[in-house]
Amino acid sequence: MRQFKALLRMPTEVDESALQVVVDLTDDMLALSAVAGELGRWPREDVSVVALPDGFHLRADGEEVILSVTEDAAFAVALGLTNAPPVLRRRMSELMRQGE
């Protein structure tokens, strides 16, 4: 089980309105949970995640949210992302080198 703390917001919202969530990447699933309970659970193959300068844009079921993940490099590596902004790519590379 791999869990990541994040802030979730809609693309049209500002950071101050973000919701604290936990992203769980277990058994090829992606689940989002908040204090009130689970917000959603999808097979990873049904979720599109793109790393952009303002966060990870997650699209599932026709909806898009933006995640600001505390451990962004570890999250990107766990998802198997290969494209990311340069600063994040450097942190991902450092993390992967440490794991070798």
N, C-alpha and C. Protein backbone atom coordinates (compact mmCIF):
# COMPACT_ATOMS: atom_id res chain seq x y z
N MET A 1 0.85 -1.19 0.00
CA MET A 1 0.00 0.00 0.00
C MET A 1 0.89 1.23 0.00
N ARG A 2 0.59 2.15 -0.87
CA ARG A 2 1.34 3.40 -0.94
C ARG A 2 0.33 4.54 -0.87
N GLN A 3 0.48 5.37 0.17
CA GLN A 3 -0.43 6.49 0.35
C GLN A 3 0.33 7.81 0.31
N PHE A 4 -0.33 8.82 -0.22
CA PHE A 4 0.27 10.15 -0.35
C PHE A 4 -0.71 11.20 0.14
N LYS A 5 -0.22 12.14 0.93
CA LYS A 5 -1.04 13.27 1.36
C LYS A 5 -1.05 14.30 0.25
N ALA A 6 -2.21 14.91 0.04
CA ALA A 6 -2.34 15.90 -1.04
C ALA A 6 -3.43 16.90 -0.72
N LEU A 7 -3.43 17.97 -1.48
CA LEU A 7 -4.52 18.93 -1.48
C LEU A 7 -5.23 18.79 -2.81
N LEU A 8 -6.54 18.72 -2.79
CA LEU A 8 -7.35 18.54 -3.99
C LEU A 8 -8.16 19.80 -4.23
N ARG A 9 -8.14 20.24 -5.48
CA ARG A 9 -8.99 21.38 -5.85
C ARG A 9 -9.48 21.20 -7.28
N MET A 10 -10.52 21.87 -7.60
CA MET A 10 -11.05 21.88 -8.96
C MET A 10 -10.21 22.88 -9.77
N PRO A 11 -10.12 22.69 -11.08
CA PRO A 11 -9.31 23.61 -11.90
C PRO A 11 -9.72 25.08 -11.79
N THR A 12 -10.96 25.35 -11.49
CA THR A 12 -11.44 26.73 -11.42
C THR A 12 -11.30 27.32 -10.02
N GLU A 13 -10.87 26.54 -9.04
CA GLU A 13 -10.76 27.02 -7.66
C GLU A 13 -9.34 27.50 -7.37
N VAL A 14 -9.23 28.28 -6.31
CA VAL A 14 -7.92 28.74 -5.84
C VAL A 14 -7.41 27.79 -4.76
N ASP A 15 -6.12 27.85 -4.50
CA ASP A 15 -5.51 26.93 -3.54
C ASP A 15 -6.14 27.01 -2.15
N GLU A 16 -6.64 28.17 -1.76
CA GLU A 16 -7.19 28.33 -0.41
C GLU A 16 -8.43 27.47 -0.18
N SER A 17 -9.09 27.05 -1.24
CA SER A 17 -10.29 26.24 -1.10
C SER A 17 -10.00 24.75 -1.23
N ALA A 18 -8.73 24.37 -1.26
CA ALA A 18 -8.35 22.97 -1.47
C ALA A 18 -8.75 22.10 -0.27
N LEU A 19 -9.05 20.86 -0.57
CA LEU A 19 -9.46 19.86 0.42
C LEU A 19 -8.30 18.92 0.68
N GLN A 20 -8.00 18.67 1.95
CA GLN A 20 -6.95 17.71 2.30
C GLN A 20 -7.44 16.30 2.02
N VAL A 21 -6.64 15.54 1.26
CA VAL A 21 -7.01 14.18 0.90
C VAL A 21 -5.81 13.26 1.06
N VAL A 22 -6.10 11.96 1.01
CA VAL A 22 -5.08 10.93 0.93
C VAL A 22 -5.32 10.19 -0.37
N VAL A 23 -4.25 10.03 -1.14
CA VAL A 23 -4.31 9.28 -2.39
C VAL A 23 -3.70 7.92 -2.12
N ASP A 24 -4.45 6.88 -2.34
CA ASP A 24 -4.01 5.51 -2.08
C ASP A 24 -3.81 4.80 -3.41
N LEU A 25 -2.59 4.32 -3.62
CA LEU A 25 -2.26 3.57 -4.84
C LEU A 25 -2.00 2.13 -4.43
N THR A 26 -3.04 1.34 -4.36
CA THR A 26 -2.93 -0.06 -3.94
C THR A 26 -3.61 -0.94 -4.98
N ASP A 27 -2.96 -2.07 -5.28
CA ASP A 27 -3.57 -3.08 -6.16
C ASP A 27 -4.09 -2.51 -7.48
N ASP A 28 -3.28 -1.70 -8.14
CA ASP A 28 -3.65 -1.10 -9.42
C ASP A 28 -4.93 -0.27 -9.35
N MET A 29 -5.21 0.27 -8.18
CA MET A 29 -6.34 1.16 -7.99
C MET A 29 -5.82 2.52 -7.53
N LEU A 30 -6.60 3.56 -7.78
CA LEU A 30 -6.32 4.88 -7.26
C LEU A 30 -7.56 5.30 -6.47
N ALA A 31 -7.38 5.55 -5.19
CA ALA A 31 -8.50 5.95 -4.34
C ALA A 31 -8.20 7.30 -3.70
N LEU A 32 -9.19 8.15 -3.62
CA LEU A 32 -9.09 9.44 -2.96
C LEU A 32 -9.99 9.42 -1.74
N SER A 33 -9.42 9.79 -0.58
CA SER A 33 -10.19 9.83 0.65
C SER A 33 -9.95 11.14 1.37
N ALA A 34 -10.98 11.61 2.03
CA ALA A 34 -10.89 12.80 2.89
C ALA A 34 -11.36 12.38 4.28
N VAL A 35 -11.37 13.31 5.20
CA VAL A 35 -11.80 13.01 6.56
C VAL A 35 -13.21 12.43 6.57
N ALA A 36 -14.08 12.93 5.70
CA ALA A 36 -15.47 12.48 5.66
C ALA A 36 -15.65 11.11 5.03
N GLY A 37 -14.60 10.58 4.40
CA GLY A 37 -14.71 9.26 3.78
C GLY A 37 -14.13 9.24 2.38
N GLU A 38 -14.37 8.14 1.69
CA GLU A 38 -13.81 7.96 0.35
C GLU A 38 -14.54 8.85 -0.67
N LEU A 39 -13.77 9.54 -1.48
CA LEU A 39 -14.32 10.41 -2.52
C LEU A 39 -14.47 9.67 -3.85
N GLY A 40 -13.62 8.68 -4.07
CA GLY A 40 -13.68 7.92 -5.31
C GLY A 40 -12.62 6.85 -5.35
N ARG A 41 -12.87 5.83 -6.19
CA ARG A 41 -11.92 4.72 -6.37
C ARG A 41 -12.05 4.26 -7.82
N TRP A 42 -10.90 4.19 -8.50
CA TRP A 42 -10.88 3.82 -9.90
C TRP A 42 -9.71 2.88 -10.19
N PRO A 43 -9.88 2.01 -11.17
CA PRO A 43 -8.70 1.28 -11.66
C PRO A 43 -7.73 2.30 -12.26
N ARG A 44 -6.44 2.15 -12.00
CA ARG A 44 -5.46 3.13 -12.50
C ARG A 44 -5.55 3.32 -14.01
N GLU A 45 -5.87 2.26 -14.72
CA GLU A 45 -5.95 2.37 -16.18
C GLU A 45 -7.09 3.27 -16.64
N ASP A 46 -8.07 3.52 -15.76
CA ASP A 46 -9.20 4.39 -16.10
C ASP A 46 -8.97 5.85 -15.70
N VAL A 47 -7.80 6.14 -15.14
CA VAL A 47 -7.49 7.48 -14.65
C VAL A 47 -6.33 8.04 -15.45
N SER A 48 -6.49 9.25 -15.92
CA SER A 48 -5.41 9.96 -16.60
C SER A 48 -4.78 10.93 -15.61
N VAL A 49 -3.46 10.85 -15.45
CA VAL A 49 -2.76 11.77 -14.56
C VAL A 49 -1.64 12.43 -15.36
N VAL A 50 -1.64 13.76 -15.35
CA VAL A 50 -0.62 14.54 -16.05
C VAL A 50 0.02 15.49 -15.04
N ALA A 51 1.34 15.49 -14.99
CA ALA A 51 2.07 16.40 -14.10
C ALA A 51 2.28 17.72 -14.83
N LEU A 52 1.77 18.79 -14.25
CA LEU A 52 1.93 20.14 -14.79
C LEU A 52 2.51 21.03 -13.69
N PRO A 53 2.97 22.22 -14.02
CA PRO A 53 3.57 23.08 -12.99
C PRO A 53 2.66 23.37 -11.79
N ASP A 54 1.34 23.38 -11.98
CA ASP A 54 0.44 23.68 -10.86
C ASP A 54 -0.04 22.45 -10.11
N GLY A 55 0.46 21.26 -10.46
CA GLY A 55 0.08 20.04 -9.75
C GLY A 55 -0.22 18.91 -10.71
N PHE A 56 -0.72 17.83 -10.16
CA PHE A 56 -1.07 16.65 -10.95
C PHE A 56 -2.54 16.78 -11.36
N HIS A 57 -2.79 16.82 -12.65
CA HIS A 57 -4.15 16.92 -13.16
C HIS A 57 -4.67 15.50 -13.33
N LEU A 58 -5.67 15.16 -12.54
CA LEU A 58 -6.25 13.83 -12.54
C LEU A 58 -7.61 13.89 -13.21
N ARG A 59 -7.82 13.05 -14.20
CA ARG A 59 -9.10 13.01 -14.90
C ARG A 59 -9.67 11.61 -14.79
N ALA A 60 -10.90 11.52 -14.29
CA ALA A 60 -11.62 10.24 -14.17
C ALA A 60 -13.11 10.52 -14.30
N ASP A 61 -13.79 9.63 -14.95
CA ASP A 61 -15.25 9.75 -15.13
C ASP A 61 -15.65 11.11 -15.70
N GLY A 62 -14.82 11.67 -16.57
CA GLY A 62 -15.15 12.94 -17.21
C GLY A 62 -14.93 14.16 -16.35
N GLU A 63 -14.42 13.99 -15.14
CA GLU A 63 -14.16 15.11 -14.23
C GLU A 63 -12.66 15.29 -14.08
N GLU A 64 -12.24 16.53 -13.83
CA GLU A 64 -10.82 16.81 -13.61
C GLU A 64 -10.63 17.50 -12.27
N VAL A 65 -9.61 17.07 -11.55
CA VAL A 65 -9.21 17.73 -10.30
C VAL A 65 -7.70 17.92 -10.37
N ILE A 66 -7.21 18.82 -9.53
CA ILE A 66 -5.77 19.07 -9.44
C ILE A 66 -5.31 18.67 -8.05
N LEU A 67 -4.27 17.85 -8.01
CA LEU A 67 -3.70 17.40 -6.75
C LEU A 67 -2.34 18.05 -6.54
N SER A 68 -2.13 18.63 -5.38
CA SER A 68 -0.81 19.10 -4.95
C SER A 68 -0.33 18.09 -3.94
N VAL A 69 0.56 17.21 -4.36
CA VAL A 69 1.00 16.09 -3.54
C VAL A 69 2.26 16.46 -2.78
N THR A 70 2.28 16.16 -1.48
CA THR A 70 3.43 16.49 -0.64
C THR A 70 4.69 15.83 -1.16
N GLU A 71 4.67 14.55 -1.43
CA GLU A 71 5.81 13.82 -1.97
C GLU A 71 5.62 13.66 -3.48
N ASP A 72 5.73 14.78 -4.19
CA ASP A 72 5.39 14.76 -5.61
C ASP A 72 6.26 13.83 -6.45
N ALA A 73 7.56 13.77 -6.19
CA ALA A 73 8.44 12.90 -6.98
C ALA A 73 8.11 11.43 -6.74
N ALA A 74 7.90 11.05 -5.49
CA ALA A 74 7.55 9.66 -5.18
C ALA A 74 6.21 9.29 -5.78
N PHE A 75 5.27 10.21 -5.78
CA PHE A 75 3.96 9.99 -6.37
C PHE A 75 4.09 9.76 -7.88
N ALA A 76 4.85 10.62 -8.54
CA ALA A 76 5.05 10.49 -9.98
C ALA A 76 5.72 9.17 -10.34
N VAL A 77 6.71 8.78 -9.56
CA VAL A 77 7.40 7.50 -9.80
C VAL A 77 6.45 6.34 -9.56
N ALA A 78 5.67 6.41 -8.49
CA ALA A 78 4.71 5.33 -8.19
C ALA A 78 3.69 5.16 -9.30
N LEU A 79 3.32 6.25 -9.95
CA LEU A 79 2.37 6.19 -11.06
C LEU A 79 3.03 5.76 -12.36
N GLY A 80 4.36 5.81 -12.40
CA GLY A 80 5.07 5.47 -13.63
C GLY A 80 5.07 6.59 -14.65
N LEU A 81 4.91 7.83 -14.18
CA LEU A 81 4.90 8.96 -15.11
C LEU A 81 6.29 9.14 -15.72
N THR A 82 6.33 9.51 -16.99
CA THR A 82 7.60 9.76 -17.66
C THR A 82 7.73 11.21 -18.10
N ASN A 83 6.63 11.92 -18.19
CA ASN A 83 6.66 13.34 -18.56
C ASN A 83 6.27 14.17 -17.35
N ALA A 84 7.06 15.22 -17.10
CA ALA A 84 6.79 16.10 -15.97
C ALA A 84 7.57 17.39 -16.20
N PRO A 85 7.20 18.45 -15.49
CA PRO A 85 7.99 19.68 -15.58
C PRO A 85 9.44 19.40 -15.16
N PRO A 86 10.40 20.17 -15.67
CA PRO A 86 11.82 19.90 -15.43
C PRO A 86 12.22 19.74 -13.95
N VAL A 87 11.72 20.58 -13.08
CA VAL A 87 12.08 20.49 -11.66
C VAL A 87 11.61 19.15 -11.08
N LEU A 88 10.40 18.75 -11.40
CA LEU A 88 9.88 17.49 -10.91
C LEU A 88 10.65 16.32 -11.51
N ARG A 89 10.99 16.40 -12.79
CA ARG A 89 11.77 15.33 -13.43
C ARG A 89 13.10 15.13 -12.73
N ARG A 90 13.75 16.23 -12.33
CA ARG A 90 15.03 16.13 -11.61
C ARG A 90 14.84 15.41 -10.28
N ARG A 91 13.78 15.77 -9.54
CA ARG A 91 13.52 15.11 -8.24
C ARG A 91 13.18 13.65 -8.44
N MET A 92 12.44 13.33 -9.50
CA MET A 92 12.12 11.93 -9.80
C MET A 92 13.39 11.15 -10.10
N SER A 93 14.27 11.75 -10.88
CA SER A 93 15.53 11.10 -11.24
C SER A 93 16.39 10.85 -10.01
N GLU A 94 16.48 11.85 -9.12
CA GLU A 94 17.23 11.69 -7.88
C GLU A 94 16.65 10.55 -7.04
N LEU A 95 15.35 10.51 -6.95
CA LEU A 95 14.68 9.47 -6.16
C LEU A 95 14.95 8.09 -6.74
N MET A 96 14.88 7.96 -8.05
CA MET A 96 15.13 6.67 -8.68
C MET A 96 16.59 6.24 -8.52
N ARG A 97 17.53 7.21 -8.58
CA ARG A 97 18.94 6.88 -8.36
C ARG A 97 19.18 6.40 -6.94
N GLN A 98 18.51 6.98 -5.97
CA GLN A 98 18.64 6.56 -4.58
C GLN A 98 18.14 5.15 -4.38
N GLY A 99 17.14 4.76 -5.16
CA GLY A 99 16.53 3.44 -5.04
C GLY A 99 17.36 2.34 -5.68
N GLU A 100 18.34 2.71 -6.50
CA GLU A 100 19.15 1.70 -7.20
C GLU A 100 20.16 1.05 -6.28
